[in-house]
């Protein structure tokens, strides 16, 4: 295995500061979700002469929704995936690579799950108090080379350690719940205001530092871009959590730029070019 103990420890100042940054973004998102319903229902109440009851109902709704989502964000996302636990015998390489990366980085070993899909899909979910979960497709587990797969997993472990995946999981889960309430547009606005494409590039760089072999990341990105598109086993709403978007390359789908499909990821072509320059 090419992993070397040169990645930043979770206890180093840089890692700590980054985790604090993402926790602060979760708090800001939660505050917005509390304040907005209170203001909206307060204004509605004002029109009918019931300002205080409107504000009170808005505050209750605003507090209850983010609280419930934050307590079950990981499970909310996982429930949208048709996945099953990885088997230590059938997916020994997956367990070995993740175990090695966690040992080097000091991260807790996440749960491992598999989606039955020919596309090269990999994503992570995480919430406070959990070790997180990494989900890979059966196509990636069986069809991607060892060094490329290690680069993919190093990218995801980095995002779990930094706290970025916890933020993304919370925002994606919140969007799912809002969509069920007929407020999908609100969820989309929250995602656009909260998620950062730069986090994906930072995780790419972290993966290259961890494996000390940037060509592995470049090859992995190229393989994902040319693999079969993701199918219903991995809904596109979870795309902010993916390593990369299968089958979209750096170009378009039905005339829509790949990085604009509510995925909040830089174009694959840009990530590949940056990887080649490292």
C-alpha atoms as a PDB file:
ATOM      1  CA  UNK A   1       0.000   0.000   0.000  1.00  0.00           C
ATOM      2  CA  UNK A   2       1.321   3.419  -0.918  1.00  0.00           C
ATOM      3  CA  UNK A   3      -0.063   5.260   2.101  1.00  0.00           C
ATOM      4  CA  UNK A   4       2.562   7.142   4.138  1.00  0.00           C
ATOM      5  CA  UNK A   5       2.205   8.838   7.537  1.00  0.00           C
ATOM      6  CA  UNK A   6       2.546  12.361   6.222  1.00  0.00           C
ATOM      7  CA  UNK A   7      -1.079  13.520   6.343  1.00  0.00           C
ATOM      8  CA  UNK A   8      -2.031  16.037   9.001  1.00  0.00           C
ATOM      9  CA  UNK A   9      -3.214  14.488  12.225  1.00  0.00           C
ATOM     10  CA  UNK A  10      -6.761  15.397  13.309  1.00  0.00           C
ATOM     11  CA  UNK A  11      -5.189  17.003  16.387  1.00  0.00           C
ATOM     12  CA  UNK A  12      -2.908  19.358  14.466  1.00  0.00           C
ATOM     13  CA  UNK A  13      -3.961  23.033  14.353  1.00  0.00           C
ATOM     14  CA  UNK A  14      -4.774  22.991  10.641  1.00  0.00           C
ATOM     15  CA  UNK A  15      -7.139  20.039  10.951  1.00  0.00           C
ATOM     16  CA  UNK A  16      -8.683  21.467  14.117  1.00  0.00           C
ATOM     17  CA  UNK A  17      -9.276  24.854  12.513  1.00  0.00           C
ATOM     18  CA  UNK A  18     -10.877  23.247   9.476  1.00  0.00           C
ATOM     19  CA  UNK A  19     -13.210  21.142  11.606  1.00  0.00           C
ATOM     20  CA  UNK A  20     -14.185  24.267  13.546  1.00  0.00           C
ATOM     21  CA  UNK A  21     -14.873  26.064  10.268  1.00  0.00           C
ATOM     22  CA  UNK A  22     -17.320  23.393   9.141  1.00  0.00           C
ATOM     23  CA  UNK A  23     -19.013  23.188  12.551  1.00  0.00           C
ATOM     24  CA  UNK A  24     -19.531  26.946  12.386  1.00  0.00           C
ATOM     25  CA  UNK A  25     -21.146  26.596   8.954  1.00  0.00           C
ATOM     26  CA  UNK A  26     -23.528  23.971  10.371  1.00  0.00           C
ATOM     27  CA  UNK A  27     -24.464  26.370  13.165  1.00  0.00           C
ATOM     28  CA  UNK A  28     -25.032  29.251  10.736  1.00  0.00           C
ATOM     29  CA  UNK A  29     -27.234  27.069   8.534  1.00  0.00           C
ATOM     30  CA  UNK A  30     -29.237  25.974  11.576  1.00  0.00           C
ATOM     31  CA  UNK A  31     -29.717  29.585  12.718  1.00  0.00           C
ATOM     32  CA  UNK A  32     -30.999  30.551   9.270  1.00  0.00           C
ATOM     33  CA  UNK A  33     -33.456  27.645   9.318  1.00  0.00           C
ATOM     34  CA  UNK A  34     -34.721  28.827  12.735  1.00  0.00           C
ATOM     35  CA  UNK A  35     -35.002  32.520  11.908  1.00  0.00           C
ATOM     36  CA  UNK A  36     -36.578  32.328   8.458  1.00  0.00           C
ATOM     37  CA  UNK A  37     -39.772  30.400   9.464  1.00  0.00           C
ATOM     38  CA  UNK A  38     -40.210  32.724  12.462  1.00  0.00           C
ATOM     39  CA  UNK A  39     -39.977  35.809  10.252  1.00  0.00           C
ATOM     40  CA  UNK A  40     -42.230  34.402   7.521  1.00  0.00           C
ATOM     41  CA  UNK A  41     -44.945  33.210   9.891  1.00  0.00           C
ATOM     42  CA  UNK A  42     -44.602  36.423  11.902  1.00  0.00           C
ATOM     43  CA  UNK A  43     -45.328  38.452   8.770  1.00  0.00           C
ATOM     44  CA  UNK A  44     -48.268  36.224   7.943  1.00  0.00           C
ATOM     45  CA  UNK A  45     -49.510  36.652  11.508  1.00  0.00           C
ATOM     46  CA  UNK A  46     -49.110  40.410  11.189  1.00  0.00           C
ATOM     47  CA  UNK A  47     -51.482  40.412   8.228  1.00  0.00           C
ATOM     48  CA  UNK A  48     -54.136  38.713  10.373  1.00  0.00           C
ATOM     49  CA  UNK A  49     -53.357  40.417  13.688  1.00  0.00           C
ATOM     50  CA  UNK A  50     -51.585  37.426  15.255  1.00  0.00           C
ATOM     51  CA  UNK A  51     -47.914  38.403  15.185  1.00  0.00           C
ATOM     52  CA  UNK A  52     -46.745  36.700  18.387  1.00  0.00           C
ATOM     53  CA  UNK A  53     -48.496  33.366  17.709  1.00  0.00           C
ATOM     54  CA  UNK A  54     -47.058  33.389  14.196  1.00  0.00           C
ATOM     55  CA  UNK A  55     -43.532  34.031  15.461  1.00  0.00           C
ATOM     56  CA  UNK A  56     -43.940  31.357  18.149  1.00  0.00           C
ATOM     57  CA  UNK A  57     -45.106  28.722  15.673  1.00  0.00           C
ATOM     58  CA  UNK A  58     -42.288  29.700  13.312  1.00  0.00           C
ATOM     59  CA  UNK A  59     -39.685  29.332  16.049  1.00  0.00           C
ATOM     60  CA  UNK A  60     -41.003  25.928  17.095  1.00  0.00           C
ATOM     61  CA  UNK A  61     -40.966  24.708  13.499  1.00  0.00           C
ATOM     62  CA  UNK A  62     -37.573  26.298  12.866  1.00  0.00           C
ATOM     63  CA  UNK A  63     -36.010  24.636  15.898  1.00  0.00           C
ATOM     64  CA  UNK A  64     -37.666  21.237  15.464  1.00  0.00           C
ATOM     65  CA  UNK A  65     -36.728  20.661  11.828  1.00  0.00           C
ATOM     66  CA  UNK A  66     -32.941  21.280  11.996  1.00  0.00           C
ATOM     67  CA  UNK A  67     -32.735  19.429  15.326  1.00  0.00           C
ATOM     68  CA  UNK A  68     -34.426  16.310  13.984  1.00  0.00           C
ATOM     69  CA  UNK A  69     -32.397  16.423  10.759  1.00  0.00           C
ATOM     70  CA  UNK A  70     -29.081  16.839  12.595  1.00  0.00           C
ATOM     71  CA  UNK A  71     -29.847  13.865  14.838  1.00  0.00           C
ATOM     72  CA  UNK A  72     -30.496  11.555  11.884  1.00  0.00           C
ATOM     73  CA  UNK A  73     -28.772  13.120   8.881  1.00  0.00           C
ATOM     74  CA  UNK A  74     -26.545  10.115   8.176  1.00  0.00           C
ATOM     75  CA  UNK A  75     -29.437   7.654   8.274  1.00  0.00           C
ATOM     76  CA  UNK A  76     -31.635   9.987   6.211  1.00  0.00           C
ATOM     77  CA  UNK A  77     -29.093   9.955   3.387  1.00  0.00           C
ATOM     78  CA  UNK A  78     -28.327   6.249   3.692  1.00  0.00           C
ATOM     79  CA  UNK A  79     -32.025   5.420   3.511  1.00  0.00           C
ATOM     80  CA  UNK A  80     -32.096   6.964   0.033  1.00  0.00           C
ATOM     81  CA  UNK A  81     -29.409   4.527  -1.157  1.00  0.00           C
ATOM     82  CA  UNK A  82     -30.124   0.938  -2.124  1.00  0.00           C
ATOM     83  CA  UNK A  83     -27.067  -0.363  -0.292  1.00  0.00           C
ATOM     84  CA  UNK A  84     -25.957  -3.240   1.925  1.00  0.00           C
ATOM     85  CA  UNK A  85     -23.072  -3.736   4.379  1.00  0.00           C
ATOM     86  CA  UNK A  86     -19.743  -4.603   2.765  1.00  0.00           C
ATOM     87  CA  UNK A  87     -18.590  -8.169   3.396  1.00  0.00           C
ATOM     88  CA  UNK A  88     -15.097  -8.627   4.829  1.00  0.00           C
ATOM     89  CA  UNK A  89     -14.462 -11.640   2.609  1.00  0.00           C
ATOM     90  CA  UNK A  90     -15.946 -10.307  -0.623  1.00  0.00           C
ATOM     91  CA  UNK A  91     -14.596  -6.785  -0.128  1.00  0.00           C
ATOM     92  CA  UNK A  92     -11.320  -7.500   1.661  1.00  0.00           C
ATOM     93  CA  UNK A  93      -9.391  -4.903  -0.357  1.00  0.00           C
ATOM     94  CA  UNK A  94     -11.909  -2.208   0.615  1.00  0.00           C
ATOM     95  CA  UNK A  95     -11.521  -3.032   4.318  1.00  0.00           C
ATOM     96  CA  UNK A  96      -7.720  -3.218   4.078  1.00  0.00           C
ATOM     97  CA  UNK A  97      -7.361   0.123   2.296  1.00  0.00           C
ATOM     98  CA  UNK A  98      -9.746   1.991   4.589  1.00  0.00           C
ATOM     99  CA  UNK A  99      -8.138   0.403   7.646  1.00  0.00           C
ATOM    100  CA  UNK A 100      -4.693   1.533   6.524  1.00  0.00           C
ATOM    101  CA  UNK A 101      -5.837   5.072   5.768  1.00  0.00           C
ATOM    102  CA  UNK A 102      -7.560   5.377   9.141  1.00  0.00           C
ATOM    103  CA  UNK A 103      -4.487   4.046  10.928  1.00  0.00           C
ATOM    104  CA  UNK A 104      -2.272   6.632   9.229  1.00  0.00           C
ATOM    105  CA  UNK A 105      -4.636   9.572   9.725  1.00  0.00           C
ATOM    106  CA  UNK A 106      -5.891   8.693  13.182  1.00  0.00           C
ATOM    107  CA  UNK A 107      -9.495   8.681  11.972  1.00  0.00           C
ATOM    108  CA  UNK A 108     -12.082   6.259  13.351  1.00  0.00           C
ATOM    109  CA  UNK A 109     -12.881   3.383  11.000  1.00  0.00           C
ATOM    110  CA  UNK A 110     -16.158   4.205   9.190  1.00  0.00           C
ATOM    111  CA  UNK A 111     -18.854   1.690   8.359  1.00  0.00           C
ATOM    112  CA  UNK A 112     -18.545   0.341   4.816  1.00  0.00           C
ATOM    113  CA  UNK A 113     -21.487  -0.274   2.500  1.00  0.00           C
ATOM    114  CA  UNK A 114     -21.940  -1.289  -1.139  1.00  0.00           C
ATOM    115  CA  UNK A 115     -24.375  -0.129  -3.823  1.00  0.00           C
ATOM    116  CA  UNK A 116     -25.002  -2.627  -6.621  1.00  0.00           C
ATOM    117  CA  UNK A 117     -24.143  -0.523  -9.654  1.00  0.00           C
ATOM    118  CA  UNK A 118     -21.791  -0.762 -12.619  1.00  0.00           C
ATOM    119  CA  UNK A 119     -20.870   2.930 -12.300  1.00  0.00           C
ATOM    120  CA  UNK A 120     -17.741   3.885 -10.382  1.00  0.00           C
ATOM    121  CA  UNK A 121     -19.479   5.488  -7.419  1.00  0.00           C
ATOM    122  CA  UNK A 122     -18.044   6.335  -4.000  1.00  0.00           C
ATOM    123  CA  UNK A 123     -19.423   8.655  -1.343  1.00  0.00           C
ATOM    124  CA  UNK A 124     -19.237   9.302   2.382  1.00  0.00           C
ATOM    125  CA  UNK A 125     -21.754  10.406   5.005  1.00  0.00           C
ATOM    126  CA  UNK A 126     -21.089  11.541   8.549  1.00  0.00           C
ATOM    127  CA  UNK A 127     -22.796  13.144  11.520  1.00  0.00           C
ATOM    128  CA  UNK A 128     -21.654  14.195  14.969  1.00  0.00           C
ATOM    129  CA  UNK A 129     -21.009  11.236  17.261  1.00  0.00           C
ATOM    130  CA  UNK A 130     -20.558   8.766  14.426  1.00  0.00           C
ATOM    131  CA  UNK A 131     -17.477   7.336  12.709  1.00  0.00           C
ATOM    132  CA  UNK A 132     -19.190   7.944   9.374  1.00  0.00           C
ATOM    133  CA  UNK A 133     -20.016   5.626   6.505  1.00  0.00           C
ATOM    134  CA  UNK A 134     -18.292   5.109   3.164  1.00  0.00           C
ATOM    135  CA  UNK A 135     -20.399   3.690   0.342  1.00  0.00           C
ATOM    136  CA  UNK A 136     -18.889   2.339  -2.860  1.00  0.00           C
ATOM    137  CA  UNK A 137     -20.479   0.737  -5.887  1.00  0.00           C
ATOM    138  CA  UNK A 138     -19.882  -2.911  -6.705  1.00  0.00           C
ATOM    139  CA  UNK A 139     -18.452  -1.706 -10.018  1.00  0.00           C
ATOM    140  CA  UNK A 140     -15.802   0.396  -8.308  1.00  0.00           C
ATOM    141  CA  UNK A 141     -15.003  -2.307  -5.735  1.00  0.00           C
ATOM    142  CA  UNK A 142     -14.367  -4.923  -8.418  1.00  0.00           C
ATOM    143  CA  UNK A 143     -13.268  -2.856 -11.410  1.00  0.00           C
ATOM    144  CA  UNK A 144     -10.925  -0.154 -10.118  1.00  0.00           C
ATOM    145  CA  UNK A 145      -7.225  -0.783  -9.528  1.00  0.00           C
ATOM    146  CA  UNK A 146      -5.787  -0.836  -6.025  1.00  0.00           C
ATOM    147  CA  UNK A 147      -3.841   2.440  -6.171  1.00  0.00           C
ATOM    148  CA  UNK A 148      -6.769   4.284  -7.781  1.00  0.00           C
ATOM    149  CA  UNK A 149      -9.182   2.915  -5.211  1.00  0.00           C
ATOM    150  CA  UNK A 150      -6.833   3.972  -2.429  1.00  0.00           C
ATOM    151  CA  UNK A 151      -6.830   7.539  -3.817  1.00  0.00           C
ATOM    152  CA  UNK A 152     -10.639   7.589  -3.892  1.00  0.00           C
ATOM    153  CA  UNK A 153     -10.867   6.359  -0.306  1.00  0.00           C
ATOM    154  CA  UNK A 154      -8.140   8.775   0.854  1.00  0.00           C
ATOM    155  CA  UNK A 155     -10.221  11.632  -0.602  1.00  0.00           C
ATOM    156  CA  UNK A 156     -13.309  10.485   1.317  1.00  0.00           C
ATOM    157  CA  UNK A 157     -11.481   9.827   4.590  1.00  0.00           C
ATOM    158  CA  UNK A 158     -10.001  13.334   4.343  1.00  0.00           C
ATOM    159  CA  UNK A 159     -13.466  14.846   3.954  1.00  0.00           C
ATOM    160  CA  UNK A 160     -14.752  12.902   6.969  1.00  0.00           C
ATOM    161  CA  UNK A 161     -11.783  14.020   9.100  1.00  0.00           C
ATOM    162  CA  UNK A 162     -12.105  17.663   8.100  1.00  0.00           C
ATOM    163  CA  UNK A 163     -15.794  17.808   9.027  1.00  0.00           C
ATOM    164  CA  UNK A 164     -16.787  18.831   5.491  1.00  0.00           C
ATOM    165  CA  UNK A 165     -18.755  15.629   4.915  1.00  0.00           C
ATOM    166  CA  UNK A 166     -20.691  16.201   8.146  1.00  0.00           C
ATOM    167  CA  UNK A 167     -21.732  19.615   6.832  1.00  0.00           C
ATOM    168  CA  UNK A 168     -22.622  18.207   3.403  1.00  0.00           C
ATOM    169  CA  UNK A 169     -24.549  15.300   4.939  1.00  0.00           C
ATOM    170  CA  UNK A 170     -26.564  17.701   7.105  1.00  0.00           C
ATOM    171  CA  UNK A 171     -27.366  19.978   4.167  1.00  0.00           C
ATOM    172  CA  UNK A 172     -28.279  17.085   1.848  1.00  0.00           C
ATOM    173  CA  UNK A 173     -30.497  15.492   4.512  1.00  0.00           C
ATOM    174  CA  UNK A 174     -32.129  18.854   5.217  1.00  0.00           C
ATOM    175  CA  UNK A 175     -32.834  19.252   1.509  1.00  0.00           C
ATOM    176  CA  UNK A 176     -34.417  15.792   1.377  1.00  0.00           C
ATOM    177  CA  UNK A 177     -36.742  16.609   4.283  1.00  0.00           C
ATOM    178  CA  UNK A 178     -37.650  20.017   2.826  1.00  0.00           C
ATOM    179  CA  UNK A 179     -38.443  18.367  -0.521  1.00  0.00           C
ATOM    180  CA  UNK A 180     -40.891  16.041   1.231  1.00  0.00           C
ATOM    181  CA  UNK A 181     -42.582  19.138   2.645  1.00  0.00           C
ATOM    182  CA  UNK A 182     -42.861  20.698  -0.807  1.00  0.00           C
ATOM    183  CA  UNK A 183     -39.974  23.088  -0.111  1.00  0.00           C
ATOM    184  CA  UNK A 184     -37.382  21.629  -2.449  1.00  0.00           C
ATOM    185  CA  UNK A 185     -36.454  25.072  -3.787  1.00  0.00           C
ATOM    186  CA  UNK A 186     -35.551  26.167  -0.248  1.00  0.00           C
ATOM    187  CA  UNK A 187     -33.302  23.133   0.143  1.00  0.00           C
ATOM    188  CA  UNK A 188     -31.558  23.972  -3.133  1.00  0.00           C
ATOM    189  CA  UNK A 189     -30.928  27.548  -1.968  1.00  0.00           C
ATOM    190  CA  UNK A 190     -29.478  26.269   1.309  1.00  0.00           C
ATOM    191  CA  UNK A 191     -27.129  23.943  -0.592  1.00  0.00           C
ATOM    192  CA  UNK A 192     -25.976  26.734  -2.886  1.00  0.00           C
ATOM    193  CA  UNK A 193     -25.363  29.056   0.063  1.00  0.00           C
ATOM    194  CA  UNK A 194     -23.577  26.479   2.199  1.00  0.00           C
ATOM    195  CA  UNK A 195     -21.517  24.016   0.170  1.00  0.00           C
ATOM    196  CA  UNK A 196     -18.122  24.913  -1.291  1.00  0.00           C
ATOM    197  CA  UNK A 197     -16.610  23.416  -4.460  1.00  0.00           C
ATOM    198  CA  UNK A 198     -13.170  24.250  -3.045  1.00  0.00           C
ATOM    199  CA  UNK A 199     -13.669  21.524  -0.408  1.00  0.00           C
ATOM    200  CA  UNK A 200     -13.512  18.894  -3.159  1.00  0.00           C
ATOM    201  CA  UNK A 201     -10.205  20.265  -4.451  1.00  0.00           C
ATOM    202  CA  UNK A 202      -8.806  20.398  -0.907  1.00  0.00           C
ATOM    203  CA  UNK A 203      -9.715  16.730  -0.426  1.00  0.00           C
ATOM    204  CA  UNK A 204      -8.037  15.857  -3.742  1.00  0.00           C
ATOM    205  CA  UNK A 205      -4.835  17.517  -2.542  1.00  0.00           C
ATOM    206  CA  UNK A 206      -5.101  15.744   0.820  1.00  0.00           C
ATOM    207  CA  UNK A 207      -5.499  12.400  -0.972  1.00  0.00           C
ATOM    208  CA  UNK A 208      -2.365  13.098  -3.028  1.00  0.00           C
ATOM    209  CA  UNK A 209      -0.404  13.961   0.117  1.00  0.00           C
ATOM    210  CA  UNK A 210      -1.610  10.825   1.853  1.00  0.00           C
ATOM    211  CA  UNK A 211      -0.865   8.383  -0.971  1.00  0.00           C
ATOM    212  CA  UNK A 212       2.175  10.326  -2.264  1.00  0.00           C
ATOM    213  CA  UNK A 213       1.132   9.294  -5.767  1.00  0.00           C
ATOM    214  CA  UNK A 214      -0.959  11.964  -7.585  1.00  0.00           C
ATOM    215  CA  UNK A 215      -1.233   9.891 -10.812  1.00  0.00           C
ATOM    216  CA  UNK A 216      -3.463   7.469  -8.874  1.00  0.00           C
ATOM    217  CA  UNK A 217      -5.999  10.223  -8.193  1.00  0.00           C
ATOM    218  CA  UNK A 218      -5.871  11.403 -11.817  1.00  0.00           C
ATOM    219  CA  UNK A 219      -6.425   7.857 -13.070  1.00  0.00           C
ATOM    220  CA  UNK A 220      -9.318   7.369 -10.631  1.00  0.00           C
ATOM    221  CA  UNK A 221     -11.004  10.576 -11.815  1.00  0.00           C
ATOM    222  CA  UNK A 222     -10.573   9.550 -15.453  1.00  0.00           C
ATOM    223  CA  UNK A 223     -12.066   6.129 -14.761  1.00  0.00           C
ATOM    224  CA  UNK A 224     -15.056   7.619 -12.940  1.00  0.00           C
ATOM    225  CA  UNK A 225     -15.657  10.103 -15.753  1.00  0.00           C
ATOM    226  CA  UNK A 226     -15.802   7.312 -18.322  1.00  0.00           C
ATOM    227  CA  UNK A 227     -17.819   4.836 -16.229  1.00  0.00           C
ATOM    228  CA  UNK A 228     -21.533   4.195 -16.569  1.00  0.00           C
ATOM    229  CA  UNK A 229     -23.778   7.034 -15.278  1.00  0.00           C
ATOM    230  CA  UNK A 230     -25.122   6.627 -11.758  1.00  0.00           C
ATOM    231  CA  UNK A 231     -28.445   4.797 -11.619  1.00  0.00           C
ATOM    232  CA  UNK A 232     -31.398   5.058  -9.179  1.00  0.00           C
ATOM    233  CA  UNK A 233     -29.397   3.071  -6.614  1.00  0.00           C
ATOM    234  CA  UNK A 234     -27.519   6.317  -5.945  1.00  0.00           C
ATOM    235  CA  UNK A 235     -29.860   9.315  -6.345  1.00  0.00           C
ATOM    236  CA  UNK A 236     -28.327  12.502  -7.740  1.00  0.00           C
ATOM    237  CA  UNK A 237     -29.556  14.447  -4.699  1.00  0.00           C
ATOM    238  CA  UNK A 238     -26.651  12.837  -2.813  1.00  0.00           C
ATOM    239  CA  UNK A 239     -24.096  14.051  -5.391  1.00  0.00           C
ATOM    240  CA  UNK A 240     -22.460  16.644  -3.064  1.00  0.00           C
ATOM    241  CA  UNK A 241     -21.240  13.649  -1.059  1.00  0.00           C
ATOM    242  CA  UNK A 242     -19.698  11.775  -3.979  1.00  0.00           C
ATOM    243  CA  UNK A 243     -16.030  11.466  -4.813  1.00  0.00           C
ATOM    244  CA  UNK A 244     -16.952  12.385  -8.389  1.00  0.00           C
ATOM    245  CA  UNK A 245     -19.966  12.218 -10.701  1.00  0.00           C
ATOM    246  CA  UNK A 246     -19.948   8.956 -12.691  1.00  0.00           C
ATOM    247  CA  UNK A 247     -20.405   9.139 -16.428  1.00  0.00           C
ATOM    248  CA  UNK A 248     -20.481  12.913 -16.748  1.00  0.00           C
ATOM    249  CA  UNK A 249     -16.858  13.540 -17.596  1.00  0.00           C
ATOM    250  CA  UNK A 250     -16.122  17.245 -17.576  1.00  0.00           C
ATOM    251  CA  UNK A 251     -18.718  18.126 -20.153  1.00  0.00           C
ATOM    252  CA  UNK A 252     -22.495  18.076 -20.218  1.00  0.00           C
ATOM    253  CA  UNK A 253     -25.597  15.987 -19.747  1.00  0.00           C
ATOM    254  CA  UNK A 254     -28.582  17.096 -21.823  1.00  0.00           C
ATOM    255  CA  UNK A 255     -26.810  20.395 -22.361  1.00  0.00           C
ATOM    256  CA  UNK A 256     -26.320  21.109 -18.649  1.00  0.00           C
ATOM    257  CA  UNK A 257     -22.743  21.528 -17.379  1.00  0.00           C
ATOM    258  CA  UNK A 258     -21.806  18.641 -15.114  1.00  0.00           C
ATOM    259  CA  UNK A 259     -20.811  20.965 -12.282  1.00  0.00           C
ATOM    260  CA  UNK A 260     -24.225  22.665 -12.381  1.00  0.00           C
ATOM    261  CA  UNK A 261     -26.356  19.555 -11.784  1.00  0.00           C
ATOM    262  CA  UNK A 262     -26.938  20.506  -8.137  1.00  0.00           C
ATOM    263  CA  UNK A 263     -23.751  18.592  -7.335  1.00  0.00           C
ATOM    264  CA  UNK A 264     -21.524  21.412  -6.057  1.00  0.00           C
ATOM    265  CA  UNK A 265     -18.387  19.841  -7.468  1.00  0.00           C
ATOM    266  CA  UNK A 266     -15.749  21.323  -9.778  1.00  0.00           C
ATOM    267  CA  UNK A 267     -15.772  19.922 -13.341  1.00  0.00           C
ATOM    268  CA  UNK A 268     -13.854  16.660 -13.550  1.00  0.00           C
ATOM    269  CA  UNK A 269     -11.693  18.110 -16.309  1.00  0.00           C
ATOM    270  CA  UNK A 270     -10.472  20.797 -13.888  1.00  0.00           C
ATOM    271  CA  UNK A 271      -9.745  18.286 -11.146  1.00  0.00           C
ATOM    272  CA  UNK A 272      -7.833  16.062 -13.553  1.00  0.00           C
ATOM    273  CA  UNK A 273      -5.796  19.018 -14.833  1.00  0.00           C
ATOM    274  CA  UNK A 274      -4.924  20.100 -11.277  1.00  0.00           C
ATOM    275  CA  UNK A 275      -3.959  16.528 -10.381  1.00  0.00           C
ATOM    276  CA  UNK A 276      -1.594  16.359 -13.344  1.00  0.00           C
ATOM    277  CA  UNK A 277       0.113  19.567 -12.181  1.00  0.00           C
ATOM    278  CA  UNK A 278       0.823  18.267  -8.681  1.00  0.00           C
END
